[in-house]
Protein backbone atom coordinates (compact mmCIF):
# COMPACT_ATOMS: atom_id res chain seq x y z
CA MET A 1 -7.45 26.52 60.97
CA THR A 2 -9.50 29.57 60.66
CA ASP A 3 -12.15 30.25 57.88
CA THR A 4 -10.12 32.87 56.05
CA LEU A 5 -6.73 32.69 53.70
CA ASN A 6 -5.35 35.64 54.99
CA ASN A 7 -5.33 37.51 57.60
CA VAL A 8 -7.22 40.61 58.54
CA ASP A 9 -4.90 43.96 59.79
CA ASN A 10 -6.53 47.61 61.10
CA SER A 11 -7.99 48.94 58.44
CA GLY A 12 -9.47 45.24 56.65
CA LYS A 13 -8.19 46.32 53.44
CA ASN A 14 -6.32 43.32 53.07
CA LYS A 15 -9.62 40.88 54.76
CA SER A 16 -10.24 37.66 52.94
CA LEU A 17 -14.02 38.37 51.37
CA LEU A 18 -14.23 34.64 51.18
CA SER A 19 -13.13 31.07 52.48
CA LYS A 20 -10.70 28.62 52.39
CA LYS A 21 -14.23 26.10 51.98
CA ASP A 22 -15.17 28.99 48.76
CA ILE A 23 -11.36 27.83 47.77
CA ASN A 24 -12.14 24.95 48.10
CA LYS A 25 -15.64 24.28 46.27
CA SER A 26 -14.45 26.35 42.74
CA TYR A 27 -10.90 23.88 42.59
CA LEU A 28 -13.68 20.35 43.07
CA ARG A 29 -15.80 22.60 40.54
CA TRP A 30 -12.57 22.68 37.87
CA TYR A 31 -11.14 19.60 38.06
CA LEU A 32 -14.15 17.29 37.83
CA ALA A 33 -15.40 19.63 34.13
CA CYS A 34 -12.23 21.00 33.13
CA GLU A 35 -12.01 18.36 30.60
CA VAL A 36 -15.86 17.76 30.31
CA SER A 37 -17.59 21.69 27.86
CA SER A 38 -14.71 21.61 25.32
CA SER A 39 -14.82 23.18 22.25
CA PHE A 40 -13.87 23.75 18.83
CA GLU A 41 -14.69 27.51 19.61
CA ARG A 42 -13.71 28.26 23.14
CA MET A 43 -12.23 24.80 24.25
CA GLN A 44 -12.75 24.89 28.27
CA SER A 45 -14.01 28.57 29.13
CA LEU A 46 -17.46 27.07 30.18
CA ALA A 47 -15.49 24.83 32.64
CA PHE A 48 -13.55 27.77 33.73
CA CYS A 49 -15.95 29.94 34.10
CA TYR A 50 -18.02 27.50 35.67
CA SER A 51 -15.43 26.13 38.63
CA MET A 52 -15.44 29.88 39.39
CA ILE A 53 -19.69 30.81 39.82
CA PRO A 54 -18.37 30.10 44.33
CA ILE A 55 -16.30 32.25 43.93
CA LEU A 56 -18.48 35.90 42.18
CA LYS A 57 -21.47 34.64 43.96
CA LYS A 58 -19.66 35.46 47.23
CA LEU A 59 -18.28 38.90 45.45
CA TYR A 60 -20.71 40.18 43.82
CA LYS A 61 -24.32 40.64 45.08
CA LYS A 62 -25.27 42.98 42.58
CA LYS A 63 -27.00 41.39 38.78
CA GLU A 64 -25.85 42.89 37.06
CA GLU A 65 -21.72 42.91 38.64
CA LEU A 66 -22.82 39.62 38.79
CA SER A 67 -23.28 39.07 34.89
CA LYS A 68 -20.79 41.09 33.80
CA ALA A 69 -18.10 39.36 35.98
CA LEU A 70 -19.85 35.36 34.39
CA SER A 71 -19.40 37.19 30.84
CA ARG A 72 -15.76 37.63 31.10
CA HIS A 73 -15.04 34.58 31.78
CA LEU A 74 -16.50 32.95 29.48
CA ASN A 75 -13.99 33.65 26.33
CA PHE A 76 -12.18 31.25 24.89
CA PHE A 77 -10.06 29.44 27.75
CA ASN A 78 -7.02 26.27 26.97
CA THR A 79 -4.99 25.42 29.87
CA GLN A 80 -3.16 22.00 31.23
CA GLY A 81 -5.59 20.56 33.54
CA THR A 82 -3.11 20.74 36.47
CA TRP A 83 -0.69 22.67 36.06
CA GLY A 84 -2.76 25.34 34.31
CA THR A 85 -4.94 26.02 38.30
CA ILE A 86 -2.75 28.63 39.24
CA VAL A 87 -3.73 30.91 36.53
CA HIS A 88 -7.02 30.55 38.31
CA GLY A 89 -5.96 31.15 41.37
CA ILE A 90 -4.64 34.20 40.75
CA THR A 91 -7.48 35.03 38.77
CA ILE A 92 -9.91 34.33 41.58
CA ALA A 93 -6.97 36.98 43.47
CA MET A 94 -7.30 39.22 40.93
CA GLU A 95 -11.29 39.77 40.91
CA GLU A 96 -11.70 39.84 44.16
CA GLN A 97 -9.72 42.52 44.64
CA LYS A 98 -11.58 43.65 42.24
CA ALA A 99 -14.22 43.52 44.66
CA LYS A 100 -13.31 45.50 47.52
CA GLY A 101 -13.08 47.91 44.93
CA GLU A 102 -9.69 48.54 43.80
CA ASP A 103 -8.74 49.89 40.10
CA ILE A 104 -8.23 45.85 38.24
CA PRO A 105 -10.08 46.96 34.56
CA ASP A 106 -11.76 43.87 32.61
CA THR A 107 -8.18 43.45 30.09
CA ALA A 108 -6.27 43.29 33.41
CA ILE A 109 -7.62 40.01 34.32
CA THR A 110 -8.40 38.84 30.49
CA GLY A 111 -5.06 39.26 29.56
CA ILE A 112 -3.74 37.59 32.64
CA LYS A 113 -5.43 34.08 31.58
CA THR A 114 -4.55 34.56 27.92
CA GLY A 115 -1.13 34.83 29.07
CA LEU A 116 -0.65 32.14 31.66
CA MET A 117 -2.49 29.66 29.89
CA GLY A 118 -0.29 29.23 27.15
CA PRO A 119 2.97 28.65 29.43
CA PHE A 120 1.64 26.86 31.31
CA ALA A 121 0.38 24.22 29.55
CA GLY A 122 3.24 23.28 28.46
CA ILE A 123 4.73 22.41 31.33
CA GLY A 124 1.42 21.21 32.67
CA ASP A 125 1.63 18.60 29.74
CA THR A 126 5.38 17.36 29.98
CA LEU A 127 5.30 16.73 33.28
CA ASP A 128 2.58 15.06 33.81
CA TRP A 129 1.49 13.54 30.00
CA GLY A 130 4.39 12.95 28.92
CA THR A 131 6.41 11.66 32.52
CA LEU A 132 4.44 11.15 34.81
CA LYS A 133 2.23 9.39 33.51
CA PRO A 134 4.09 7.03 31.61
CA ILE A 135 5.86 6.49 34.47
CA VAL A 136 2.64 5.04 36.55
CA PHE A 137 0.85 3.55 34.08
CA ALA A 138 4.10 1.61 32.87
CA LEU A 139 4.50 0.52 36.46
CA ALA A 140 1.07 -0.71 36.79
CA VAL A 141 1.52 -2.73 33.33
CA SER A 142 3.90 -4.38 34.71
CA PHE A 143 2.25 -5.41 38.18
CA GLY A 144 -0.65 -6.96 35.67
CA MET A 145 1.40 -8.97 33.74
CA THR A 146 2.79 -10.99 36.62
CA GLY A 147 -0.94 -11.67 37.27
CA SER A 148 -1.39 -8.93 40.45
CA VAL A 149 -4.44 -7.18 41.35
CA ALA A 150 -2.32 -3.97 42.44
CA GLY A 151 -2.33 -3.20 38.36
CA ALA A 152 -5.93 -2.30 38.37
CA PHE A 153 -5.34 0.17 41.37
CA ILE A 154 -2.35 1.50 40.19
CA PRO A 155 -3.03 4.09 37.60
CA PHE A 156 -5.26 6.22 40.51
CA VAL A 157 -1.84 7.41 42.31
CA PHE A 158 -0.93 9.19 38.32
CA MET A 159 -5.16 10.19 39.69
CA VAL A 160 -4.04 11.49 43.44
CA ILE A 161 -0.82 13.00 42.01
CA THR A 162 -2.55 15.71 39.48
CA MET A 163 -5.72 16.15 41.92
CA ALA A 164 -3.36 16.76 45.06
CA VAL A 165 -0.45 19.30 42.26
CA GLY A 166 -3.45 21.07 41.12
CA TYR A 167 -4.82 21.60 45.08
CA TRP A 168 -1.15 23.23 45.93
CA LEU A 169 -1.00 24.88 42.45
CA TRP A 170 -4.48 26.28 43.43
CA ASN A 171 -4.25 28.04 46.28
CA LEU A 172 -0.59 29.70 45.39
CA GLY A 173 -1.82 30.72 42.46
CA TYR A 174 -4.77 32.65 45.07
CA SER A 175 -1.75 33.08 47.64
CA LEU A 176 0.69 34.93 45.29
CA GLY A 177 -1.53 36.34 43.25
CA ARG A 178 -2.72 39.09 46.14
CA ASP A 179 0.58 39.85 47.03
CA SER A 180 1.36 40.53 43.29
CA VAL A 181 -2.27 42.65 42.38
CA LYS A 182 -1.23 44.33 45.46
CA SER A 183 2.03 45.17 45.26
CA ILE A 184 1.40 46.05 41.37
CA LEU A 185 -1.84 48.71 42.67
CA GLU A 186 0.32 50.12 44.85
CA ALA A 187 3.37 50.81 41.64
CA GLY A 188 0.11 51.28 39.39
CA TRP A 189 1.46 49.31 36.58
CA ILE A 190 -2.00 48.01 35.97
CA GLN A 191 -1.36 49.38 31.92
CA GLU A 192 1.93 47.44 31.57
CA LEU A 193 0.40 44.57 33.57
CA ILE A 194 -2.33 44.69 30.46
CA THR A 195 0.68 45.89 27.77
CA GLY A 196 3.26 42.09 28.97
CA ALA A 197 0.17 40.30 29.36
CA SER A 198 -1.28 41.22 26.01
CA ILE A 199 2.14 40.39 24.17
CA LEU A 200 3.16 37.09 25.73
CA GLY A 201 -0.16 36.59 24.64
CA LEU A 202 -0.07 37.56 21.46
CA PHE A 203 3.83 34.84 21.60
CA MET A 204 1.88 31.85 22.36
CA MET A 205 -1.11 32.18 20.11
CA GLY A 206 2.30 32.71 17.41
CA ALA A 207 3.49 29.65 17.95
CA LEU A 208 0.83 27.53 18.67
CA SER A 209 -0.70 28.92 15.74
CA ALA A 210 2.67 27.92 13.20
CA ASN A 211 2.69 24.17 14.92
CA PHE A 212 -0.47 23.76 14.57
CA VAL A 213 -2.09 25.39 11.89
CA LYS A 214 -0.65 22.80 8.81
CA LEU A 215 -1.34 23.86 5.01
CA ASP A 216 0.09 22.42 1.89
CA ILE A 217 -0.32 22.61 -1.90
CA PRO A 218 0.64 19.70 -3.38
CA VAL A 219 0.20 20.66 -6.78
CA VAL A 220 2.66 19.68 -8.90
CA LEU A 221 2.78 21.10 -12.77
CA ASN A 222 4.71 19.48 -15.80
CA MET A 223 6.55 21.89 -17.73
CA ALA A 224 9.06 21.95 -21.04
CA GLU A 225 11.71 19.57 -21.12
CA GLY A 226 10.47 17.00 -19.18
CA ASN A 227 10.94 19.67 -15.75
CA GLU A 228 8.15 20.27 -12.91
CA LEU A 229 7.35 23.14 -11.29
CA VAL A 230 6.39 22.04 -7.37
CA ILE A 231 4.25 25.16 -6.48
CA GLN A 232 5.44 24.13 -2.74
CA GLU A 233 9.15 24.86 -2.86
CA ILE A 234 7.52 27.81 -4.78
CA LEU A 235 6.46 28.91 -1.74
CA ASP A 236 8.42 28.36 0.73
CA SER A 237 10.95 30.72 -1.29
CA ILE A 238 9.12 32.96 -0.60
CA ALA A 239 8.43 32.28 2.46
CA PRO A 240 8.06 28.87 4.67
CA GLY A 241 4.62 28.41 6.46
CA ILE A 242 3.17 31.34 3.88
CA LEU A 243 -0.67 29.83 3.69
CA PRO A 244 -0.96 28.96 6.85
CA LEU A 245 0.30 32.31 7.60
CA VAL A 246 -2.65 33.82 5.36
CA VAL A 247 -5.37 31.19 7.11
CA VAL A 248 -4.49 33.21 10.63
CA PHE A 249 -4.30 36.64 9.14
CA ALA A 250 -7.88 35.75 7.98
CA ILE A 251 -9.20 34.72 10.33
CA HIS A 252 -8.31 37.10 12.36
CA TRP A 253 -9.36 39.83 9.76
CA TYR A 254 -12.96 37.37 9.78
CA LEU A 255 -13.48 37.94 13.83
CA LYS A 256 -12.28 41.41 13.82
CA ASN A 257 -14.55 42.92 11.27
CA LYS A 258 -17.03 40.54 11.10
CA GLY A 259 -18.06 39.60 14.55
CA GLN A 260 -16.65 36.17 16.14
CA ASP A 261 -19.08 34.02 15.39
CA PHE A 262 -16.49 31.15 15.53
CA GLY A 263 -19.04 27.97 14.47
CA LYS A 264 -18.92 29.82 10.89
CA ILE A 265 -14.98 29.63 11.01
CA VAL A 266 -15.69 25.75 11.81
CA LEU A 267 -17.71 25.43 9.55
CA PHE A 268 -16.13 27.17 5.90
CA LEU A 269 -12.54 25.85 7.24
CA LEU A 270 -13.89 22.76 7.03
CA ALA A 271 -15.99 22.74 3.52
CA ILE A 272 -12.60 24.31 2.05
CA SER A 273 -10.24 21.54 3.38
CA LEU A 274 -12.56 19.04 1.99
CA LEU A 275 -13.37 20.80 -1.06
CA GLY A 276 -9.51 21.32 -1.46
CA SER A 277 -9.06 17.46 -0.53
CA PHE A 278 -11.50 16.30 -2.64
CA VAL A 279 -9.66 17.91 -6.64
CA GLY A 280 -6.23 17.55 -5.64
CA LEU A 281 -5.44 21.34 -4.64
CA PHE A 282 -4.55 20.23 -0.17
């Protein structure tokens, strides 16, 4: 087995700057740290950046270039730890092409990450947590109920399977990413890539907002002749989910105009929620 992942052509243009060891080391870092540094502000961004450090150090020798590369991977990132690894592989391929001097904007790399992290998170959650894990753990419980010591070890099968799948997808993403990026560069599709990834990312953020941002006003006003005026029903008649939409747009306005201070946003929302709950507004 050679030390590099791809063959070298006569011009040297397709020569890989990364070795198999670099790719494996990066994946191992992600596998061990993907859920360790999660936060409400940036979720898995620190783990993503941590996994990219061996790659970026190999690709960028100048301190300024390395610092810039690390900074662009500290943006918000959140996906499923196993199936989302294909995003890492594609990102590594794009960083490698960028290090070779190809015209790949930072926004293209960020757009790919943002656009793909949501769909693969949905796939991974369904297959791993919703399907594979219940099957494996149910098998372990059945053995444990009979007194078999195998019940204590069967759950590790889930870990082995997810680690193997993640490793395969990581390398698949890198292989496909190199070919895809090369085709995109040759066809001049960079702007289309940025636009498409941004649109996909907006769709996913909209879907996540609709599913996870919940806000109702349970206030009922007693009117004349025993009639009741339900505030939430009035708001729903205007537009279902209008309050969560207002909250999302308000946060977007703040981030765009007042700076990305996520800590203040979290504290403000917490304070408003507690106050509204105390007075019976929410």
